[in-house]
């Protein structure tokens, strides 16, 4: 799967790298092997994995070329976003 970084996605990753040392490779690994994928608004998928007592969430859009990273963020609100099946 090809991963396409948007400018916004790159900017957000750099911000989180300064705060929590979230590297580009970690984000791409979550897309390749997420602990969970949930649906977002308007055909957006959220790949997420637990990290540092929180959750790293990567919003992506499936496009013809692969998966396009729209944004990403870390949150401590695991119970709000984690889906128990």
Protein backbone atom coordinates (compact mmCIF):
# COMPACT_ATOMS: atom_id res chain seq x y z
CA UNK A 1 0.00 0.00 0.00
CA UNK A 2 1.34 3.41 -0.95
CA UNK A 3 1.14 6.07 1.75
CA UNK A 4 0.61 9.64 0.57
CA UNK A 5 1.43 12.44 3.00
CA UNK A 6 -0.49 15.70 2.75
CA UNK A 7 1.20 18.91 3.81
CA UNK A 8 -1.14 19.11 6.81
CA UNK A 9 -0.34 15.52 7.79
CA UNK A 10 3.39 16.24 7.62
CA UNK A 11 3.00 19.39 9.70
CA UNK A 12 0.98 17.58 12.37
CA UNK A 13 3.51 14.74 12.53
CA UNK A 14 6.33 17.23 13.10
CA UNK A 15 4.36 18.91 15.88
CA UNK A 16 3.73 15.58 17.61
CA UNK A 17 7.33 14.53 17.13
CA UNK A 18 8.37 17.54 19.23
CA UNK A 19 5.77 16.77 21.93
CA UNK A 20 5.81 12.95 22.13
CA UNK A 21 8.56 11.80 19.74
CA UNK A 22 6.04 10.40 17.25
CA UNK A 23 8.15 9.60 14.20
CA UNK A 24 7.02 9.42 10.60
CA UNK A 25 7.84 5.69 10.54
CA UNK A 26 5.56 5.06 13.52
CA UNK A 27 2.65 6.75 11.74
CA UNK A 28 3.26 4.67 8.60
CA UNK A 29 3.48 1.48 10.70
CA UNK A 30 0.09 2.26 12.23
CA UNK A 31 -1.36 2.54 8.74
CA UNK A 32 0.15 -0.78 7.73
CA UNK A 33 -0.76 -2.61 10.96
CA UNK A 34 -3.32 -0.66 12.99
CA UNK A 35 -4.69 -2.12 16.18
CA UNK A 36 -8.06 -0.83 15.02
CA UNK A 37 -9.70 0.99 12.10
CA UNK A 38 -12.91 2.93 12.69
CA UNK A 39 -15.10 4.95 10.38
CA UNK A 40 -15.02 8.72 10.46
CA UNK A 41 -17.11 11.30 8.64
CA UNK A 42 -17.47 11.39 4.84
CA UNK A 43 -15.63 8.16 3.92
CA UNK A 44 -12.69 8.95 6.18
CA UNK A 45 -11.04 6.04 8.00
CA UNK A 46 -9.23 6.37 11.30
CA UNK A 47 -6.35 3.97 11.89
CA UNK A 48 -5.53 3.92 15.58
CA UNK A 49 -3.20 2.20 18.01
CA UNK A 50 -2.66 2.55 21.73
CA UNK A 51 0.48 4.45 22.71
CA UNK A 52 1.82 5.99 25.93
CA UNK A 53 -1.41 5.67 27.96
CA UNK A 54 -3.31 7.17 25.05
CA UNK A 55 -4.23 6.66 21.45
CA UNK A 56 -2.49 7.70 18.25
CA UNK A 57 -5.14 8.33 15.58
CA UNK A 58 -4.38 8.75 11.87
CA UNK A 59 -7.19 10.00 9.62
CA UNK A 60 -6.85 8.72 6.06
CA UNK A 61 -8.73 8.71 2.81
CA UNK A 62 -8.51 5.80 0.41
CA UNK A 63 -7.56 7.10 -3.04
CA UNK A 64 -6.66 5.30 -6.23
CA UNK A 65 -2.92 5.59 -5.54
CA UNK A 66 -3.12 4.34 -1.94
CA UNK A 67 -3.96 5.89 1.43
CA UNK A 68 -3.71 9.64 1.89
CA UNK A 69 -2.94 10.90 5.40
CA UNK A 70 -5.22 13.81 6.18
CA UNK A 71 -4.23 14.44 9.80
CA UNK A 72 -3.03 12.68 12.92
CA UNK A 73 -3.05 13.26 16.63
CA UNK A 74 -2.52 11.66 20.01
CA UNK A 75 -5.27 11.71 22.62
CA UNK A 76 -5.61 10.50 26.19
CA UNK A 77 -9.34 9.91 25.63
CA UNK A 78 -9.06 6.21 24.80
CA UNK A 79 -12.52 5.32 26.11
CA UNK A 80 -14.14 7.87 23.79
CA UNK A 81 -12.54 6.58 20.58
CA UNK A 82 -11.66 2.92 21.16
CA UNK A 83 -14.40 0.59 19.92
CA UNK A 84 -15.02 -2.57 21.89
CA UNK A 85 -16.61 -5.22 19.69
